Protein backbone atom coordinates (compact mmCIF):
# COMPACT_ATOMS: atom_id res chain seq x y z
CA MET A 1 67.81 -17.59 30.34
CA GLN A 2 65.12 -14.84 30.25
CA SER A 3 65.54 -11.67 32.23
CA ALA A 4 63.01 -10.59 34.84
CA ASP A 5 61.84 -7.76 32.57
CA SER A 6 61.17 -10.08 29.63
CA LEU A 7 59.28 -12.49 31.86
CA ARG A 8 57.10 -9.64 33.13
CA PHE A 9 56.48 -8.52 29.54
CA SER A 10 55.41 -12.02 28.43
CA ALA A 11 53.11 -12.39 31.41
CA THR A 12 51.48 -9.01 30.70
CA ARG A 13 51.00 -9.87 27.01
CA ARG A 14 49.39 -13.21 27.87
CA ALA A 15 47.13 -11.57 30.44
CA GLY A 16 45.88 -8.93 27.95
CA ALA A 17 45.28 -11.29 25.01
CA PHE A 18 41.99 -13.06 24.11
CA THR A 19 41.85 -16.80 24.01
CA LEU A 20 40.01 -18.56 21.18
CA VAL A 21 37.17 -19.50 23.53
CA GLU A 22 36.79 -15.89 24.69
CA MET A 23 36.68 -14.67 21.10
CA LEU A 24 34.03 -17.22 20.17
CA VAL A 25 31.93 -16.25 23.19
CA THR A 26 32.24 -12.55 22.26
CA VAL A 27 31.19 -13.20 18.66
CA ALA A 28 28.24 -15.29 19.87
CA CYS A 29 27.13 -12.49 22.22
CA ILE A 30 27.31 -9.93 19.41
CA ALA A 31 25.28 -12.22 17.14
CA VAL A 32 22.61 -12.67 19.83
CA LEU A 33 22.39 -8.92 20.43
CA ALA A 34 22.11 -8.25 16.69
CA ALA A 35 19.36 -10.87 16.39
CA LEU A 36 17.50 -9.19 19.25
CA LEU A 37 17.90 -5.64 17.94
CA LEU A 38 17.28 -6.21 14.22
CA PRO A 39 13.53 -6.95 14.52
CA ALA A 40 13.14 -3.84 16.68
CA LEU A 41 14.93 -1.71 14.07
CA ILE A 42 12.86 -3.17 11.25
CA SER A 43 9.68 -2.64 13.27
CA ALA A 44 10.59 1.00 13.94
CA LYS A 45 11.28 1.57 10.24
CA GLU A 46 7.95 0.01 9.27
CA ARG A 47 6.11 2.15 11.81
CA GLY A 48 7.69 5.18 10.15
CA ARG A 49 6.44 3.97 6.77
CA ARG A 50 2.93 3.60 8.15
CA VAL A 51 2.94 7.16 9.46
CA ALA A 52 4.24 8.55 6.16
CA CYS A 53 1.66 6.53 4.23
CA LEU A 54 -1.13 7.75 6.51
CA ASN A 55 -0.01 11.37 6.10
CA ASN A 56 -0.22 11.10 2.32
CA GLN A 57 -3.57 9.37 2.60
CA HIS A 58 -4.80 12.31 4.69
CA GLU A 59 -3.59 14.72 1.98
CA PHE A 60 -5.47 12.60 -0.57
CA TYR A 61 -8.60 12.90 1.57
CA LEU A 62 -8.30 16.69 1.84
CA THR A 63 -7.83 16.93 -1.93
CA LEU A 64 -11.00 14.90 -2.47
CA VAL A 65 -12.87 17.23 -0.12
CA LEU A 66 -11.65 20.31 -2.01
CA TYR A 67 -12.63 18.68 -5.30
CA ALA A 68 -16.10 17.88 -3.95
CA HIS A 69 -16.61 21.46 -2.73
CA ASP A 70 -16.06 22.61 -6.33
CA HIS A 71 -18.47 19.99 -7.72
CA ASN A 72 -21.66 20.27 -5.66
CA ASP A 73 -20.28 17.98 -2.95
CA ARG A 74 -19.80 15.12 -5.41
CA LEU A 75 -16.65 13.04 -5.02
CA ALA A 76 -14.24 12.43 -7.88
CA PRO A 77 -15.56 9.67 -10.18
CA GLY A 78 -13.63 6.40 -10.10
CA TYR A 79 -13.94 5.62 -13.81
CA SER A 80 -11.17 4.27 -16.00
CA ASP A 81 -10.34 6.03 -19.27
CA LEU A 82 -12.79 3.73 -21.03
CA GLY A 83 -15.40 4.33 -18.35
CA GLU A 84 -15.24 8.08 -18.92
CA ARG A 85 -16.02 7.57 -22.60
CA GLN A 86 -18.96 5.35 -21.67
CA VAL A 87 -20.63 7.95 -19.42
CA SER A 88 -22.60 9.45 -22.29
CA ASN A 89 -24.29 6.06 -22.83
CA PRO A 90 -26.92 5.65 -20.08
CA ALA A 91 -27.23 1.92 -20.80
CA ALA A 92 -23.50 1.21 -20.39
CA LYS A 93 -22.06 -0.66 -17.45
CA LEU A 94 -19.10 1.61 -16.77
CA ASP A 95 -15.54 0.29 -16.61
CA GLU A 96 -14.24 1.02 -13.09
CA HIS A 97 -11.38 -0.18 -10.88
CA VAL A 98 -10.64 0.80 -7.29
CA VAL A 99 -6.87 0.74 -7.88
CA LEU A 100 -6.71 3.39 -10.60
CA LEU A 101 -7.98 6.76 -11.82
CA SER A 102 -8.45 7.95 -15.36
CA HIS A 103 -5.66 10.12 -16.69
CA ARG A 104 -7.98 13.13 -16.76
CA MET A 105 -9.21 12.67 -13.18
CA ARG A 106 -5.70 12.14 -11.86
CA THR A 107 -4.64 15.40 -13.51
CA ASN A 108 -7.67 17.22 -12.08
CA LEU A 109 -6.89 16.06 -8.55
CA ILE A 110 -3.22 17.00 -8.89
CA ASN A 111 -4.27 20.48 -10.03
CA THR A 112 -6.62 20.69 -7.04
CA ALA A 113 -3.65 19.82 -4.81
CA GLY A 114 -1.60 22.66 -6.28
CA GLY A 115 0.43 20.50 -8.64
CA ASN A 116 1.66 17.99 -6.07
CA TYR A 117 1.26 14.39 -7.23
CA ARG A 118 2.92 12.63 -4.27
CA PHE A 119 -0.26 12.48 -2.18
CA LEU A 120 -1.48 9.78 -4.55
CA VAL A 121 1.26 7.38 -3.46
CA CYS A 122 2.10 5.51 -0.27
CA PRO A 123 5.79 6.62 -0.08
CA GLY A 124 7.25 3.17 0.55
CA LEU A 125 5.96 1.77 -2.74
CA GLY A 126 8.63 3.55 -4.79
CA ASP A 127 9.07 3.07 -8.53
CA PRO A 128 7.02 3.15 -10.75
CA PHE A 129 4.48 4.86 -8.45
CA ASN A 130 6.74 7.80 -7.65
CA ARG A 131 7.16 8.94 -11.26
CA PRO A 132 5.56 12.31 -12.12
CA GLN A 133 3.31 10.60 -14.69
CA GLY A 134 2.47 7.88 -12.16
CA TYR A 135 2.15 4.15 -12.68
CA ASP A 136 0.75 4.50 -16.19
CA SER A 137 -1.43 1.50 -16.90
CA TYR A 138 -2.51 -0.04 -20.16
CA GLN A 139 -4.46 1.76 -22.86
CA ASP A 140 -8.09 2.46 -21.88
CA TYR A 141 -7.38 1.78 -18.20
CA GLY A 142 -5.76 4.78 -16.55
CA VAL A 143 -3.11 5.32 -13.89
CA ILE A 144 -2.67 2.90 -10.98
CA ILE A 145 -2.50 5.00 -7.82
CA GLY A 146 -0.78 4.15 -4.55
CA TYR A 147 -4.04 3.71 -2.66
CA THR A 148 -7.38 2.02 -3.06
CA TYR A 149 -9.93 4.72 -3.95
CA LEU A 150 -13.44 3.71 -2.99
CA GLY A 151 -15.42 6.87 -3.74
CA GLY A 152 -17.31 7.88 -6.86
CA HIS A 153 -17.90 4.33 -8.14
CA SER A 154 -21.27 3.53 -9.71
CA GLY A 155 -23.48 0.49 -9.33
CA THR A 156 -22.24 -0.64 -5.91
CA PRO A 157 -22.48 -3.08 -4.33
CA TRP A 158 -20.87 -4.92 -7.23
CA GLU A 159 -21.80 -8.56 -7.67
CA PRO A 160 -19.83 -10.92 -5.42
CA THR A 161 -17.37 -13.46 -6.81
CA VAL A 162 -15.87 -16.69 -5.49
CA THR A 163 -12.81 -14.78 -4.25
CA THR A 164 -14.62 -12.01 -2.39
CA THR A 165 -15.71 -12.29 1.24
CA ASN A 166 -17.79 -9.12 1.38
CA GLN A 167 -19.42 -6.32 -0.62
CA TRP A 168 -19.08 -2.56 -0.28
CA ILE A 169 -20.95 0.67 -0.93
CA SER A 170 -19.12 3.52 -2.68
CA PRO A 171 -19.79 7.03 -1.27
CA GLN A 172 -20.86 9.49 -3.97
CA LYS A 173 -21.11 12.74 -2.01
CA LEU A 174 -19.57 14.25 1.12
CA THR A 175 -23.03 14.06 2.73
CA ASP A 176 -23.30 10.26 2.41
CA ASN A 177 -22.93 7.88 5.36
CA PRO A 178 -19.83 9.25 7.17
CA GLY A 179 -18.70 5.73 8.11
CA LEU A 180 -18.30 4.52 4.51
CA PRO A 181 -14.67 3.68 3.60
CA LEU A 182 -13.20 6.19 1.15
CA LEU A 183 -9.48 5.36 0.98
CA ALA A 184 -7.32 2.42 1.96
CA ASP A 185 -3.71 1.37 1.58
CA LEU A 186 -3.04 -0.62 -1.59
CA ASN A 187 -3.50 -4.19 -0.42
CA ALA A 188 -4.63 -5.25 -3.88
CA TRP A 189 -3.91 -7.62 -6.73
CA SER A 190 -5.02 -8.32 -10.29
CA VAL A 191 -5.27 -11.88 -11.52
CA ALA A 192 -5.35 -11.07 -15.24
CA GLU A 193 -2.38 -8.68 -15.07
CA GLY A 194 -0.34 -10.81 -12.67
CA ILE A 195 0.41 -7.95 -10.26
CA ALA A 196 0.03 -7.73 -6.48
CA PHE A 197 0.86 -5.15 -3.82
CA ALA A 198 1.48 -5.27 -0.08
CA PRO A 199 2.61 -1.78 1.06
CA HIS A 200 3.09 -2.89 4.66
CA ALA A 201 4.73 -6.30 5.02
CA ALA A 202 6.90 -7.28 7.98
CA ARG A 203 10.07 -6.08 6.24
CA GLY A 204 8.63 -3.27 4.15
CA PRO A 205 6.62 -2.93 0.92
CA VAL A 206 6.31 -5.88 -1.46
CA MET A 207 5.26 -5.72 -5.12
CA ARG A 208 5.02 -8.52 -7.67
CA GLN A 209 4.66 -8.05 -11.42
CA GLY A 210 4.27 -10.73 -14.04
CA ASP A 211 4.09 -13.42 -11.38
CA SER A 212 2.16 -16.46 -12.63
CA ARG A 213 1.35 -17.45 -9.04
CA ILE A 214 -0.97 -14.44 -8.78
CA ARG A 215 -3.20 -16.20 -11.26
CA THR A 216 -3.77 -18.95 -8.71
CA ASN A 217 -4.16 -16.81 -5.56
CA LEU A 218 -1.15 -14.72 -4.64
CA SER A 219 -3.10 -12.12 -2.66
CA SER A 220 -1.68 -9.23 -0.63
CA GLU A 221 -1.99 -11.40 2.45
CA ALA A 222 -0.02 -14.17 0.73
CA LEU A 223 2.69 -11.59 -0.06
CA GLY A 224 3.04 -10.95 3.66
CA ALA A 225 0.84 -7.88 4.17
CA VAL A 226 0.33 -7.18 7.87
CA GLY A 227 -2.41 -4.56 7.48
CA GLY A 228 -3.13 -1.06 6.22
CA ASN A 229 -4.57 2.36 6.95
CA VAL A 230 -8.24 2.96 6.16
CA THR A 231 -9.87 6.41 5.92
CA VAL A 232 -13.65 6.79 6.06
CA LEU A 233 -15.80 9.56 4.62
CA ASP A 234 -15.76 11.72 7.75
CA GLY A 235 -11.96 11.91 7.56
CA SER A 236 -11.12 9.64 10.48
CA ALA A 237 -8.47 7.01 9.81
CA ALA A 238 -7.16 3.95 11.61
CA TRP A 239 -4.72 1.11 11.16
CA LYS A 240 -6.39 -2.22 10.42
CA PRO A 241 -4.50 -5.51 10.81
CA ILE A 242 -4.71 -7.91 7.89
CA TRP A 243 -6.59 -10.53 9.88
CA GLN A 244 -9.47 -8.08 10.36
CA MET A 245 -9.69 -7.20 6.66
CA LYS A 246 -12.16 -8.56 4.14
CA THR A 247 -11.60 -9.24 0.45
CA TYR A 248 -13.62 -7.11 -1.96
CA ARG A 249 -14.14 -6.99 -5.67
CA GLY A 250 -12.06 -4.19 -7.19
CA SER A 251 -13.19 -4.26 -10.84
CA ARG A 252 -16.73 -3.72 -12.00
CA LEU A 253 -16.61 -5.49 -15.39
CA PHE A 254 -14.35 -8.38 -14.42
CA SER A 255 -14.99 -11.18 -11.94
CA GLU A 256 -12.33 -13.74 -11.06
CA ASP A 257 -9.92 -12.30 -13.65
CA GLY A 258 -10.18 -8.75 -12.35
CA ALA A 259 -8.77 -6.78 -9.44
CA PHE A 260 -9.36 -7.53 -5.77
CA ALA A 261 -8.54 -5.52 -2.68
CA MET A 262 -8.51 -5.90 1.09
CA TRP A 263 -9.50 -3.30 3.64
């Protein structure tokens, strides 16, 4: 026969314990709260990436302005390594790509920026962009930068292709049309190289390399890009959602096998 004290102890223990149903309800509530909070946390983190990317893009813009002031207001040329060697031939159609700079021009801009190379990269892209030597491309091409550089390209508007939805004019000098796009986040892909970039997807940056699907049409939008920052020649910048962007040709000498970009 149990004493009164032991009966009181058992009753207290039963009253303070969780039943299986209560535990399941608690776990379900925690899961619901986590599901509600996770998108908000991811969204806040992505907004931070956008701000950091825009800050670097602004530094890139200021560096281009300083370079132009030292070169009779002319913007940095957008040639590849091969394109630089072709400049002496007036009949040549220069090799140019909006996703890269020649090794020499990249070095010149870094020197203009006081030795800092990080302005050339949207921070969220990471390796191999964040290496001091940059994303070193193939021989005769140059260095893939973390933005789309639209200034200093010759012969624009380049001929349209099946993939493109629009054409663009490359600003040559600081005194050109102030509304011309100069820089954009790297929503770009190359069919021949099998690479694609989406610096601002719903859950952060996405990069594909050696992906055979890119050869069929794995664009930045298909990777999940939600948009990007765009800076125009007068220095103003704004976020542009992916559904407002157009697809442009990003390589002068290549058509459907070349690079494409959205801004």
